[in-house]
C-alpha atoms as a PDB file:
ATOM      1  CA  MET A   1     -12.090  59.246 -61.305  1.00  0.00           C
ATOM      2  CA  LYS A   2      -9.926  61.291 -62.969  1.00  0.00           C
ATOM      3  CA  LEU A   3     -12.730  63.354 -65.692  1.00  0.00           C
ATOM      4  CA  ASP A   4     -11.157  64.738 -69.213  1.00  0.00           C
ATOM      5  CA  ARG A   5     -13.218  67.069 -70.838  1.00  0.00           C
ATOM      6  CA  LEU A   6     -11.091  66.317 -73.814  1.00  0.00           C
ATOM      7  CA  ASP A   7     -10.123  70.193 -73.831  1.00  0.00           C
ATOM      8  CA  GLY A   8      -7.551  70.657 -72.462  1.00  0.00           C
ATOM      9  CA  ARG A   9      -9.772  70.218 -69.257  1.00  0.00           C
ATOM     10  CA  VAL A  10      -9.991  67.768 -66.164  1.00  0.00           C
ATOM     11  CA  ALA A  11     -11.314  67.497 -62.542  1.00  0.00           C
ATOM     12  CA  LEU A  12      -9.797  64.699 -60.401  1.00  0.00           C
ATOM     13  CA  PHE A  13     -12.595  63.524 -57.720  1.00  0.00           C
ATOM     14  CA  GLY A  14     -11.770  60.945 -54.454  1.00  0.00           C
ATOM     15  CA  PRO A  15     -14.038  59.672 -52.320  1.00  0.00           C
ATOM     16  CA  ALA A  16     -15.837  62.998 -49.692  1.00  0.00           C
ATOM     17  CA  PRO A  17     -15.607  62.611 -46.182  1.00  0.00           C
ATOM     18  CA  GLN A  18     -17.462  59.394 -44.541  1.00  0.00           C
ATOM     19  CA  SER A  19     -19.428  62.028 -42.488  1.00  0.00           C
ATOM     20  CA  GLU A  20     -22.151  63.819 -45.742  1.00  0.00           C
ATOM     21  CA  LEU A  21     -22.765  60.005 -45.948  1.00  0.00           C
ATOM     22  CA  ALA A  22     -25.391  59.579 -43.619  1.00  0.00           C
ATOM     23  CA  GLU A  23     -26.877  62.696 -44.765  1.00  0.00           C
ATOM     24  CA  TRP A  24     -27.510  61.845 -47.955  1.00  0.00           C
ATOM     25  CA  GLY A  25     -29.112  57.514 -47.442  1.00  0.00           C
ATOM     26  CA  ILE A  26     -26.353  57.642 -49.971  1.00  0.00           C
ATOM     27  CA  GLU A  27     -24.085  54.761 -49.754  1.00  0.00           C
ATOM     28  CA  ARG A  28     -20.790  56.330 -51.443  1.00  0.00           C
ATOM     29  CA  LEU A  29     -20.537  60.489 -52.183  1.00  0.00           C
ATOM     30  CA  TRP A  30     -17.311  62.122 -54.453  1.00  0.00           C
ATOM     31  CA  ARG A  31     -15.514  65.509 -54.671  1.00  0.00           C
ATOM     32  CA  ARG A  32     -13.622  67.005 -56.765  1.00  0.00           C
ATOM     33  CA  VAL A  33     -10.363  67.099 -54.554  1.00  0.00           C
ATOM     34  CA  HIS A  34      -9.439  70.276 -56.050  1.00  0.00           C
ATOM     35  CA  ALA A  35     -10.619  73.988 -55.961  1.00  0.00           C
ATOM     36  CA  GLN A  36     -11.908  74.562 -59.427  1.00  0.00           C
ATOM     37  CA  GLU A  37     -14.120  73.424 -61.039  1.00  0.00           C
ATOM     38  CA  TRP A  38     -11.416  72.302 -63.968  1.00  0.00           C
ATOM     39  CA  VAL A  39      -7.948  71.551 -64.092  1.00  0.00           C
ATOM     40  CA  GLU A  40      -5.239  71.051 -66.502  1.00  0.00           C
ATOM     41  CA  PRO A  41      -4.113  67.998 -66.756  1.00  0.00           C
ATOM     42  CA  GLY A  42      -0.413  68.561 -65.288  1.00  0.00           C
ATOM     43  CA  VAL A  43      -2.185  69.734 -62.080  1.00  0.00           C
ATOM     44  CA  VAL A  44      -4.010  66.095 -61.394  1.00  0.00           C
ATOM     45  CA  GLU A  45      -1.029  63.679 -62.822  1.00  0.00           C
ATOM     46  CA  GLU A  46       1.047  65.705 -60.182  1.00  0.00           C
ATOM     47  CA  ARG A  47      -1.835  64.776 -57.825  1.00  0.00           C
ATOM     48  CA  LEU A  48      -2.009  61.509 -59.009  1.00  0.00           C
ATOM     49  CA  ALA A  49       1.783  61.112 -59.050  1.00  0.00           C
ATOM     50  CA  ARG A  50       1.905  61.682 -55.138  1.00  0.00           C
ATOM     51  CA  GLU A  51      -1.003  59.683 -53.979  1.00  0.00           C
ATOM     52  CA  ILE A  52       0.223  56.287 -56.403  1.00  0.00           C
ATOM     53  CA  GLY A  53       3.724  57.780 -53.931  1.00  0.00           C
ATOM     54  CA  PHE A  54       1.748  56.842 -51.012  1.00  0.00           C
ATOM     55  CA  ASP A  55      -0.770  54.096 -52.523  1.00  0.00           C
ATOM     56  CA  SER A  56       0.896  52.288 -54.865  1.00  0.00           C
ATOM     57  CA  ASP A  57      -2.388  49.768 -54.634  1.00  0.00           C
ATOM     58  CA  LEU A  58      -4.364  52.847 -56.192  1.00  0.00           C
ATOM     59  CA  TRP A  59      -7.267  52.297 -58.838  1.00  0.00           C
ATOM     60  CA  ILE A  60      -7.589  55.074 -61.328  1.00  0.00           C
ATOM     61  CA  VAL A  61     -10.482  55.446 -63.753  1.00  0.00           C
ATOM     62  CA  GLU A  62     -10.203  58.287 -66.102  1.00  0.00           C
ATOM     63  CA  VAL A  63     -13.689  58.793 -68.301  1.00  0.00           C
ATOM     64  CA  GLU A  64     -13.631  61.434 -71.385  1.00  0.00           C
ATOM     65  CA  ASP A  65     -16.714  63.354 -71.465  1.00  0.00           C
ATOM     66  CA  ARG A  66     -16.426  66.344 -73.460  1.00  0.00           C
ATOM     67  CA  GLN A  67     -20.206  67.538 -71.373  1.00  0.00           C
ATOM     68  CA  GLY A  68     -17.750  66.979 -68.147  1.00  0.00           C
ATOM     69  CA  SER A  69     -20.881  65.090 -66.306  1.00  0.00           C
ATOM     70  CA  PRO A  70     -18.933  62.771 -63.349  1.00  0.00           C
ATOM     71  CA  ARG A  71     -21.848  60.536 -63.399  1.00  0.00           C
ATOM     72  CA  LEU A  72     -20.715  60.756 -59.616  1.00  0.00           C
ATOM     73  CA  ASP A  73     -23.614  61.022 -56.343  1.00  0.00           C
ATOM     74  CA  LEU A  74     -21.050  64.534 -55.251  1.00  0.00           C
ATOM     75  CA  ALA A  75     -21.180  65.578 -52.384  1.00  0.00           C
ATOM     76  CA  ASP A  76     -22.149  69.482 -51.895  1.00  0.00           C
END
């Protein structure tokens, strides 16, 4: 999922490793795919272009939220 704060900051989330799921008892956990909390949109677009090159059937959900709430179960 791409999360856009509409202020020039975005975050990209992907599935967390399966090993973290058992610990939480949750069906799916998510994590940021970059080290920083927020990045510039170009950083995410480059990453998505690489991912699409690898998996052309990739689904991308983009959410716009000025508070920056991903509304996902996040792995620590």
